Each structure stands twice: as C-alpha cells, then as structure tokens.
Amino acid sequence: MELQLHGSTKDGVIVRAGNLNLANFNIVDILKEKLQYNNIFLRNDAKSAALCEKEYGSLKTFEDSVFICLGTGIGGAVFKNRKVIKSKKT
C-alpha cells in the first residue's frame, strides 16, 4: 500500500504538511501497527504523479524531463536518463 500526500516526506515520516498542521509525524508506523500490515510506503503526491506520467503518461517517451505539479502546493520531479533525481534535502 502506498500513501500519497502533499508536503515533505522521508522514510515513512511526514516531515511537514502545512495545511494539515503536521510535522515529524510517523504515519507509516502507526498504520502498520493499527492495520497489522507491513507493506506500507509514504510518498509525496507530486512525486507519485510524476512517476506515473513517466511510466504511463505523456513523459514516457522522453529520456530527460521535468514534471511540475501545481495544486495545494507546488511540487514535482526531474528525470535524467529515465530515472528520477533524488533530492539531497528529502
């Protein structure tokens, strides 16, 4: 199961989600315990959308591309040689 939300995430922790007023909240561990299910991952919603576009959508034919998501906030992803470039910050 993959959870998606806007905001910063790292290793199953919501680092910051401003409009939810959450910071350093480990939602994955809580859900694993409550649901008795260990295969749970957390990812930023813009990164998830970018990965879907790269695999199935309008970006699938490009080696290098940039995906920008404008919604509740601003997010996105950069692809180089068909792979997402990971941020050093998150």
PDB file of N, CA and C in Angstrom:
ATOM      1  N   MET A   1       0.857  -1.166   0.000  1.00  0.00           N
ATOM      2  CA  MET A   1       0.000   0.000   0.000  1.00  0.00           C
ATOM      3  C   MET A   1       0.900   1.225   0.000  1.00  0.00           C
ATOM      4  N   GLU A   2       0.598   2.159  -0.877  1.00  0.00           N
ATOM      5  CA  GLU A   2       1.371   3.394  -0.914  1.00  0.00           C
ATOM      6  C   GLU A   2       0.459   4.561  -0.584  1.00  0.00           C
ATOM      7  N   LEU A   3       0.859   5.348   0.394  1.00  0.00           N
ATOM      8  CA  LEU A   3       0.129   6.557   0.772  1.00  0.00           C
ATOM      9  C   LEU A   3       0.740   7.730   0.036  1.00  0.00           C
ATOM     10  N   GLN A   4      -0.093   8.658  -0.365  1.00  0.00           N
ATOM     11  CA  GLN A   4       0.400   9.839  -1.042  1.00  0.00           C
ATOM     12  C   GLN A   4      -0.191  11.067  -0.368  1.00  0.00           C
ATOM     13  N   LEU A   5       0.662  12.047  -0.114  1.00  0.00           N
ATOM     14  CA  LEU A   5       0.153  13.295   0.415  1.00  0.00           C
ATOM     15  C   LEU A   5       1.063  14.418   0.006  1.00  0.00           C
ATOM     16  N   HIS A   6       0.522  15.611   0.029  1.00  0.00           N
ATOM     17  CA  HIS A   6       1.359  16.765  -0.280  1.00  0.00           C
ATOM     18  C   HIS A   6       2.216  17.056   0.941  1.00  0.00           C
ATOM     19  N   GLY A   7       3.300  17.714   0.737  1.00  0.00           N
ATOM     20  CA  GLY A   7       4.204  18.024   1.837  1.00  0.00           C
ATOM     21  C   GLY A   7       5.485  17.233   1.707  1.00  0.00           C
ATOM     22  N   SER A   8       6.367  17.436   2.655  1.00  0.00           N
ATOM     23  CA  SER A   8       7.661  16.760   2.653  1.00  0.00           C
ATOM     24  C   SER A   8       7.562  15.444   3.410  1.00  0.00           C
ATOM     25  N   THR A   9       8.130  14.396   2.818  1.00  0.00           N
ATOM     26  CA  THR A   9       8.119  13.085   3.451  1.00  0.00           C
ATOM     27  C   THR A   9       9.516  12.485   3.409  1.00  0.00           C
ATOM     28  N   LYS A  10       9.809  11.652   4.399  1.00  0.00           N
ATOM     29  CA  LYS A  10      11.086  10.944   4.408  1.00  0.00           C
ATOM     30  C   LYS A  10      10.976   9.717   5.295  1.00  0.00           C
ATOM     31  N   ASP A  11      11.296   8.565   4.728  1.00  0.00           N
ATOM     32  CA  ASP A  11      11.337   7.303   5.475  1.00  0.00           C
ATOM     33  C   ASP A  11      10.062   7.039   6.283  1.00  0.00           C
ATOM     34  N   GLY A  12       8.902   7.267   5.678  1.00  0.00           N
ATOM     35  CA  GLY A  12       7.636   6.989   6.340  1.00  0.00           C
ATOM     36  C   GLY A  12       7.156   8.070   7.286  1.00  0.00           C
ATOM     37  N   VAL A  13       7.873   9.178   7.330  1.00  0.00           N
ATOM     38  CA  VAL A  13       7.529  10.269   8.238  1.00  0.00           C
ATOM     39  C   VAL A  13       7.069  11.478   7.425  1.00  0.00           C
ATOM     40  N   ILE A  14       5.967  12.072   7.863  1.00  0.00           N
ATOM     41  CA  ILE A  14       5.549  13.346   7.282  1.00  0.00           C
ATOM     42  C   ILE A  14       6.431  14.401   7.937  1.00  0.00           C
ATOM     43  N   VAL A  15       7.411  14.887   7.203  1.00  0.00           N
ATOM     44  CA  VAL A  15       8.334  15.888   7.737  1.00  0.00           C
ATOM     45  C   VAL A  15       7.597  17.191   7.971  1.00  0.00           C
ATOM     46  N   ARG A  16       6.798  17.580   6.970  1.00  0.00           N
ATOM     47  CA  ARG A  16       5.991  18.790   7.116  1.00  0.00           C
ATOM     48  C   ARG A  16       4.853  18.766   6.105  1.00  0.00           C
ATOM     49  N   ALA A  17       3.650  18.956   6.582  1.00  0.00           N
ATOM     50  CA  ALA A  17       2.467  19.141   5.742  1.00  0.00           C
ATOM     51  C   ALA A  17       1.708  20.319   6.326  1.00  0.00           C
ATOM     52  N   GLY A  18       1.970  21.493   5.781  1.00  0.00           N
ATOM     53  CA  GLY A  18       1.479  22.747   6.341  1.00  0.00           C
ATOM     54  C   GLY A  18      -0.019  22.832   6.525  1.00  0.00           C
ATOM     55  N   ASN A  19      -0.796  22.483   5.492  1.00  0.00           N
ATOM     56  CA  ASN A  19      -2.247  22.663   5.630  1.00  0.00           C
ATOM     57  C   ASN A  19      -2.880  21.594   6.512  1.00  0.00           C
ATOM     58  N   LEU A  20      -2.141  20.529   6.838  1.00  0.00           N
ATOM     59  CA  LEU A  20      -2.629  19.539   7.806  1.00  0.00           C
ATOM     60  C   LEU A  20      -2.091  19.810   9.201  1.00  0.00           C
ATOM     61  N   ASN A  21      -1.219  20.803   9.304  1.00  0.00           N
ATOM     62  CA  ASN A  21      -0.588  21.170  10.563  1.00  0.00           C
ATOM     63  C   ASN A  21       0.162  19.977  11.184  1.00  0.00           C
ATOM     64  N   LEU A  22       0.888  19.260  10.331  1.00  0.00           N
ATOM     65  CA  LEU A  22       1.656  18.098  10.789  1.00  0.00           C
ATOM     66  C   LEU A  22       3.135  18.329  10.563  1.00  0.00           C
ATOM     67  N   ALA A  23       3.930  17.878  11.516  1.00  0.00           N
ATOM     68  CA  ALA A  23       5.382  17.911  11.371  1.00  0.00           C
ATOM     69  C   ALA A  23       5.970  16.726  12.123  1.00  0.00           C
ATOM     70  N   ASN A  24       6.919  16.054  11.483  1.00  0.00           N
ATOM     71  CA  ASN A  24       7.603  14.899  12.074  1.00  0.00           C
ATOM     72  C   ASN A  24       6.617  13.865  12.627  1.00  0.00           C
ATOM     73  N   PHE A  25       5.655  13.509  11.795  1.00  0.00           N
ATOM     74  CA  PHE A  25       4.603  12.581  12.180  1.00  0.00           C
ATOM     75  C   PHE A  25       4.817  11.261  11.448  1.00  0.00           C
ATOM     76  N   ASN A  26       5.066  10.186  12.179  1.00  0.00           N
ATOM     77  CA  ASN A  26       5.369   8.892  11.584  1.00  0.00           C
ATOM     78  C   ASN A  26       4.082   8.109  11.335  1.00  0.00           C
ATOM     79  N   ILE A  27       3.424   8.445  10.251  1.00  0.00           N
ATOM     80  CA  ILE A  27       2.132   7.824   9.930  1.00  0.00           C
ATOM     81  C   ILE A  27       2.290   6.362   9.515  1.00  0.00           C
ATOM     82  N   VAL A  28       3.406   6.019   8.881  1.00  0.00           N
ATOM     83  CA  VAL A  28       3.586   4.640   8.406  1.00  0.00           C
ATOM     84  C   VAL A  28       3.650   3.662   9.570  1.00  0.00           C
ATOM     85  N   ASP A  29       4.426   3.964  10.586  1.00  0.00           N
ATOM     86  CA  ASP A  29       4.498   3.063  11.747  1.00  0.00           C
ATOM     87  C   ASP A  29       3.149   2.913  12.441  1.00  0.00           C
ATOM     88  N   ILE A  30       2.408   4.010  12.533  1.00  0.00           N
ATOM     89  CA  ILE A  30       1.085   3.958  13.164  1.00  0.00           C
ATOM     90  C   ILE A  30       0.148   3.062  12.359  1.00  0.00           C
ATOM     91  N   LEU A  31       0.153   3.227  11.033  1.00  0.00           N
ATOM     92  CA  LEU A  31      -0.726   2.412  10.188  1.00  0.00           C
ATOM     93  C   LEU A  31      -0.314   0.946  10.179  1.00  0.00           C
ATOM     94  N   LYS A  32       0.976   0.675  10.196  1.00  0.00           N
ATOM     95  CA  LYS A  32       1.440  -0.711  10.250  1.00  0.00           C
ATOM     96  C   LYS A  32       0.927  -1.398  11.510  1.00  0.00           C
ATOM     97  N   GLU A  33       0.984  -0.675  12.615  1.00  0.00           N
ATOM     98  CA  GLU A  33       0.518  -1.239  13.884  1.00  0.00           C
ATOM     99  C   GLU A  33      -1.003  -1.424  13.884  1.00  0.00           C
ATOM    100  N   LYS A  34      -1.730  -0.406  13.461  1.00  0.00           N
ATOM    101  CA  LYS A  34      -3.192  -0.455  13.508  1.00  0.00           C
ATOM    102  C   LYS A  34      -3.781  -1.441  12.500  1.00  0.00           C
ATOM    103  N   LEU A  35      -3.177  -1.524  11.311  1.00  0.00           N
ATOM    104  CA  LEU A  35      -3.715  -2.367  10.258  1.00  0.00           C
ATOM    105  C   LEU A  35      -3.102  -3.769  10.227  1.00  0.00           C
ATOM    106  N   GLN A  36      -2.059  -3.969  11.041  1.00  0.00           N
ATOM    107  CA  GLN A  36      -1.358  -5.259  11.047  1.00  0.00           C
ATOM    108  C   GLN A  36      -0.886  -5.608   9.631  1.00  0.00           C
ATOM    109  N   TYR A  37      -0.299  -4.630   8.968  1.00  0.00           N
ATOM    110  CA  TYR A  37       0.155  -4.786   7.587  1.00  0.00           C
ATOM    111  C   TYR A  37       1.492  -4.061   7.453  1.00  0.00           C
ATOM    112  N   ASN A  38       2.520  -4.755   6.995  1.00  0.00           N
ATOM    113  CA  ASN A  38       3.869  -4.180   6.993  1.00  0.00           C
ATOM    114  C   ASN A  38       4.294  -3.528   5.689  1.00  0.00           C
ATOM    115  N   ASN A  39       3.570  -3.753   4.622  1.00  0.00           N
ATOM    116  CA  ASN A  39       3.994  -3.263   3.318  1.00  0.00           C
ATOM    117  C   ASN A  39       3.339  -1.912   3.010  1.00  0.00           C
ATOM    118  N   ILE A  40       3.687  -0.879   3.773  1.00  0.00           N
ATOM    119  CA  ILE A  40       3.109   0.457   3.624  1.00  0.00           C
ATOM    120  C   ILE A  40       4.238   1.445   3.368  1.00  0.00           C
ATOM    121  N   PHE A  41       4.057   2.283   2.350  1.00  0.00           N
ATOM    122  CA  PHE A  41       5.065   3.268   1.983  1.00  0.00           C
ATOM    123  C   PHE A  41       4.411   4.636   1.868  1.00  0.00           C
ATOM    124  N   LEU A  42       5.194   5.666   2.072  1.00  0.00           N
ATOM    125  CA  LEU A  42       4.705   7.040   2.008  1.00  0.00           C
ATOM    126  C   LEU A  42       5.507   7.790   0.959  1.00  0.00           C
ATOM    127  N   ARG A  43       4.811   8.533   0.111  1.00  0.00           N
ATOM    128  CA  ARG A  43       5.491   9.300  -0.920  1.00  0.00           C
ATOM    129  C   ARG A  43       4.734  10.605  -1.137  1.00  0.00           C
ATOM    130  N   ASN A  44       5.465  11.622  -1.484  1.00  0.00           N
ATOM    131  CA  ASN A  44       4.869  12.902  -1.830  1.00  0.00           C
ATOM    132  C   ASN A  44       3.967  12.734  -3.052  1.00  0.00           C
ATOM    133  N   ASP A  45       2.807  13.394  -3.043  1.00  0.00           N
ATOM    134  CA  ASP A  45       1.840  13.213  -4.124  1.00  0.00           C
ATOM    135  C   ASP A  45       2.348  13.703  -5.474  1.00  0.00           C
ATOM    136  N   ALA A  46       3.111  14.771  -5.496  1.00  0.00           N
ATOM    137  CA  ALA A  46       3.645  15.275  -6.766  1.00  0.00           C
ATOM    138  C   ALA A  46       4.666  14.298  -7.348  1.00  0.00           C
ATOM    139  N   LYS A  47       5.497  13.712  -6.493  1.00  0.00           N
ATOM    140  CA  LYS A  47       6.465  12.716  -6.970  1.00  0.00           C
ATOM    141  C   LYS A  47       5.737  11.481  -7.502  1.00  0.00           C
ATOM    142  N   SER A  48       4.674  11.077  -6.833  1.00  0.00           N
ATOM    143  CA  SER A  48       3.887   9.937  -7.301  1.00  0.00           C
ATOM    144  C   SER A  48       3.271  10.213  -8.664  1.00  0.00           C
ATOM    145  N   ALA A  49       2.719  11.416  -8.829  1.00  0.00           N
ATOM    146  CA  ALA A  49       2.124  11.788 -10.118  1.00  0.00           C
ATOM    147  C   ALA A  49       3.190  11.824 -11.214  1.00  0.00           C
ATOM    148  N   ALA A  50       4.366  12.340 -10.886  1.00  0.00           N
ATOM    149  CA  ALA A  50       5.462  12.399 -11.855  1.00  0.00           C
ATOM    150  C   ALA A  50       5.885  10.997 -12.291  1.00  0.00           C
ATOM    151  N   LEU A  51       6.006  10.086 -11.339  1.00  0.00           N
ATOM    152  CA  LEU A  51       6.393   8.711 -11.664  1.00  0.00           C
ATOM    153  C   LEU A  51       5.352   8.030 -12.546  1.00  0.00           C
ATOM    154  N   CYS A  52       4.082   8.308 -12.299  1.00  0.00           N
ATOM    155  CA  CYS A  52       3.017   7.742 -13.140  1.00  0.00           C
ATOM    156  C   CYS A  52       3.069   8.314 -14.552  1.00  0.00           C
ATOM    157  N   GLU A  53       3.297   9.617 -14.677  1.00  0.00           N
ATOM    158  CA  GLU A  53       3.421  10.219 -16.007  1.00  0.00           C
ATOM    159  C   GLU A  53       4.621   9.641 -16.753  1.00  0.00           C
ATOM    160  N   LYS A  54       5.705   9.394 -16.034  1.00  0.00           N
ATOM    161  CA  LYS A  54       6.906   8.846 -16.662  1.00  0.00           C
ATOM    162  C   LYS A  54       6.675   7.414 -17.134  1.00  0.00           C
ATOM    163  N   GLU A  55       5.952   6.641 -16.357  1.00  0.00           N
ATOM    164  CA  GLU A  55       5.732   5.237 -16.696  1.00  0.00           C
ATOM    165  C   GLU A  55       4.609   5.046 -17.719  1.00  0.00           C
ATOM    166  N   TYR A  56       3.506   5.799 -17.552  1.00  0.00           N
ATOM    167  CA  TYR A  56       2.306   5.536 -18.352  1.00  0.00           C
ATOM    168  C   TYR A  56       1.802   6.717 -19.179  1.00  0.00           C
ATOM    169  N   GLY A  57       2.279   7.909 -18.880  1.00  0.00           N
ATOM    170  CA  GLY A  57       1.671   9.095 -19.482  1.00  0.00           C
ATOM    171  C   GLY A  57       2.533   9.821 -20.498  1.00  0.00           C
ATOM    172  N   SER A  58       2.393  11.127 -20.493  1.00  0.00           N
ATOM    173  CA  SER A  58       2.992  11.978 -21.521  1.00  0.00           C
ATOM    174  C   SER A  58       4.515  12.059 -21.460  1.00  0.00           C
ATOM    175  N   LEU A  59       5.128  11.625 -20.374  1.00  0.00           N
ATOM    176  CA  LEU A  59       6.591  11.699 -20.263  1.00  0.00           C
ATOM    177  C   LEU A  59       7.294  10.399 -20.643  1.00  0.00           C
ATOM    178  N   LYS A  60       6.539   9.367 -20.961  1.00  0.00           N
ATOM    179  CA  LYS A  60       7.147   8.048 -21.142  1.00  0.00           C
ATOM    180  C   LYS A  60       8.108   7.951 -22.325  1.00  0.00           C
ATOM    181  N   THR A  61       8.009   8.824 -23.298  1.00  0.00           N
ATOM    182  CA  THR A  61       8.906   8.746 -24.457  1.00  0.00           C
ATOM    183  C   THR A  61      10.169   9.592 -24.314  1.00  0.00           C
ATOM    184  N   PHE A  62      10.305  10.322 -23.205  1.00  0.00           N
ATOM    185  CA  PHE A  62      11.447  11.213 -23.029  1.00  0.00           C
ATOM    186  C   PHE A  62      12.490  10.614 -22.087  1.00  0.00           C
ATOM    187  N   GLU A  63      13.753  10.767 -22.437  1.00  0.00           N
ATOM    188  CA  GLU A  63      14.848  10.336 -21.561  1.00  0.00           C
ATOM    189  C   GLU A  63      14.960  11.285 -20.363  1.00  0.00           C
ATOM    190  N   ASP A  64      14.936  12.577 -20.643  1.00  0.00           N
ATOM    191  CA  ASP A  64      15.062  13.615 -19.622  1.00  0.00           C
ATOM    192  C   ASP A  64      13.793  14.458 -19.635  1.00  0.00           C
ATOM    193  N   SER A  65      13.276  14.778 -18.467  1.00  0.00           N
ATOM    194  CA  SER A  65      12.055  15.574 -18.402  1.00  0.00           C
ATOM    195  C   SER A  65      11.896  16.188 -17.018  1.00  0.00           C
ATOM    196  N   VAL A  66      11.014  17.174 -16.954  1.00  0.00           N
ATOM    197  CA  VAL A  66      10.676  17.850 -15.699  1.00  0.00           C
ATOM    198  C   VAL A  66       9.160  17.813 -15.559  1.00  0.00           C
ATOM    199  N   PHE A  67       8.689  17.449 -14.379  1.00  0.00           N
ATOM    200  CA  PHE A  67       7.257  17.417 -14.085  1.00  0.00           C
ATOM    201  C   PHE A  67       7.002  18.423 -12.972  1.00  0.00           C
ATOM    202  N   ILE A  68       6.055  19.318 -13.201  1.00  0.00           N
ATOM    203  CA  ILE A  68       5.692  20.317 -12.185  1.00  0.00           C
ATOM    204  C   ILE A  68       4.219  20.153 -11.864  1.00  0.00           C
ATOM    205  N   CYS A  69       3.915  20.106 -10.570  1.00  0.00           N
ATOM    206  CA  CYS A  69       2.554  19.920 -10.095  1.00  0.00           C
ATOM    207  C   CYS A  69       2.127  21.165  -9.315  1.00  0.00           C
ATOM    208  N   LEU A  70       1.061  21.797  -9.766  1.00  0.00           N
ATOM    209  CA  LEU A  70       0.518  22.966  -9.073  1.00  0.00           C
ATOM    210  C   LEU A  70      -0.841  22.586  -8.521  1.00  0.00           C
ATOM    211  N   GLY A  71      -1.007  22.689  -7.228  1.00  0.00           N
ATOM    212  CA  GLY A  71      -2.269  22.327  -6.588  1.00  0.00           C
ATOM    213  C   GLY A  71      -2.341  22.991  -5.233  1.00  0.00           C
ATOM    214  N   THR A  72      -2.455  22.174  -4.187  1.00  0.00           N
ATOM    215  CA  THR A  72      -2.437  22.709  -2.825  1.00  0.00           C
ATOM    216  C   THR A  72      -1.116  23.408  -2.567  1.00  0.00           C
ATOM    217  N   GLY A  73      -0.073  22.898  -3.179  1.00  0.00           N
ATOM    218  CA  GLY A  73       1.258  23.483  -3.099  1.00  0.00           C
ATOM    219  C   GLY A  73       1.912  23.340  -4.459  1.00  0.00           C
ATOM    220  N   ILE A  74       3.227  23.449  -4.474  1.00  0.00           N
ATOM    221  CA  ILE A  74       3.993  23.272  -5.704  1.00  0.00           C
ATOM    222  C   ILE A  74       4.962  22.125  -5.469  1.00  0.00           C
ATOM    223  N   GLY A  75       5.006  21.194  -6.397  1.00  0.00           N
ATOM    224  CA  GLY A  75       5.917  20.066  -6.275  1.00  0.00           C
ATOM    225  C   GLY A  75       6.300  19.578  -7.654  1.00  0.00           C
ATOM    226  N   GLY A  76       7.091  18.532  -7.679  1.00  0.00           N
ATOM    227  CA  GLY A  76       7.462  17.990  -8.970  1.00  0.00           C
ATOM    228  C   GLY A  76       8.618  17.022  -8.880  1.00  0.00           C
ATOM    229  N   ALA A  77       9.151  16.702 -10.046  1.00  0.00           N
ATOM    230  CA  ALA A  77      10.269  15.777 -10.132  1.00  0.00           C
ATOM    231  C   ALA A  77      11.043  16.052 -11.410  1.00  0.00           C
ATOM    232  N   VAL A  78      12.326  15.710 -11.378  1.00  0.00           N
ATOM    233  CA  VAL A  78      13.196  15.834 -12.541  1.00  0.00           C
ATOM    234  C   VAL A  78      13.709  14.449 -12.886  1.00  0.00           C
ATOM    235  N   PHE A  79      13.660  14.118 -14.172  1.00  0.00           N
ATOM    236  CA  PHE A  79      14.141  12.826 -14.646  1.00  0.00           C
ATOM    237  C   PHE A  79      15.357  13.034 -15.536  1.00  0.00           C
ATOM    238  N   LYS A  80      16.402  12.274 -15.295  1.00  0.00           N
ATOM    239  CA  LYS A  80      17.613  12.272 -16.114  1.00  0.00           C
ATOM    240  C   LYS A  80      17.892  10.828 -16.480  1.00  0.00           C
ATOM    241  N   ASN A  81      18.032  10.545 -17.762  1.00  0.00           N
ATOM    242  CA  ASN A  81      18.235   9.177 -18.243  1.00  0.00           C
ATOM    243  C   ASN A  81      17.139   8.236 -17.740  1.00  0.00           C
ATOM    244  N   ARG A  82      15.891   8.721 -17.763  1.00  0.00           N
ATOM    245  CA  ARG A  82      14.696   7.965 -17.389  1.00  0.00           C
ATOM    246  C   ARG A  82      14.592   7.657 -15.888  1.00  0.00           C
ATOM    247  N   LYS A  83      15.483   8.200 -15.065  1.00  0.00           N
ATOM    248  CA  LYS A  83      15.439   7.962 -13.625  1.00  0.00           C
ATOM    249  C   LYS A  83      15.198   9.277 -12.897  1.00  0.00           C
ATOM    250  N   VAL A  84      14.417   9.188 -11.824  1.00  0.00           N
ATOM    251  CA  VAL A  84      14.126  10.393 -11.040  1.00  0.00           C
ATOM    252  C   VAL A  84      15.381  10.786 -10.272  1.00  0.00           C
ATOM    253  N   ILE A  85      15.664  12.074 -10.261  1.00  0.00           N
ATOM    254  CA  ILE A  85      16.788  12.577  -9.489  1.00  0.00           C
ATOM    255  C   ILE A  85      16.302  12.803  -8.070  1.00  0.00           C
ATOM    256  N   LYS A  86      16.978  12.200  -7.114  1.00  0.00           N
ATOM    257  CA  LYS A  86      16.560  12.320  -5.711  1.00  0.00           C
ATOM    258  C   LYS A  86      17.185  13.571  -5.098  1.00  0.00           C
ATOM    259  N   SER A  87      16.389  14.256  -4.330  1.00  0.00           N
ATOM    260  CA  SER A  87      16.843  15.458  -3.635  1.00  0.00           C
ATOM    261  C   SER A  87      17.771  15.073  -2.492  1.00  0.00           C
ATOM    262  N   LYS A  88      18.774  15.889  -2.269  1.00  0.00           N
ATOM    263  CA  LYS A  88      19.667  15.660  -1.129  1.00  0.00           C
ATOM    264  C   LYS A  88      18.998  16.088   0.169  1.00  0.00           C
ATOM    265  N   LYS A  89      18.024  17.000   0.059  1.00  0.00           N
ATOM    266  CA  LYS A  89      17.350  17.555   1.241  1.00  0.00           C
ATOM    267  C   LYS A  89      16.325  16.596   1.824  1.00  0.00           C
ATOM    268  N   THR A  90      15.549  15.872   0.967  1.00  0.00           N
ATOM    269  CA  THR A  90      14.496  14.988   1.488  1.00  0.00           C
ATOM    270  C   THR A  90      14.731  13.567   1.078  1.00  0.00           C
TER     271      THR A  90
END
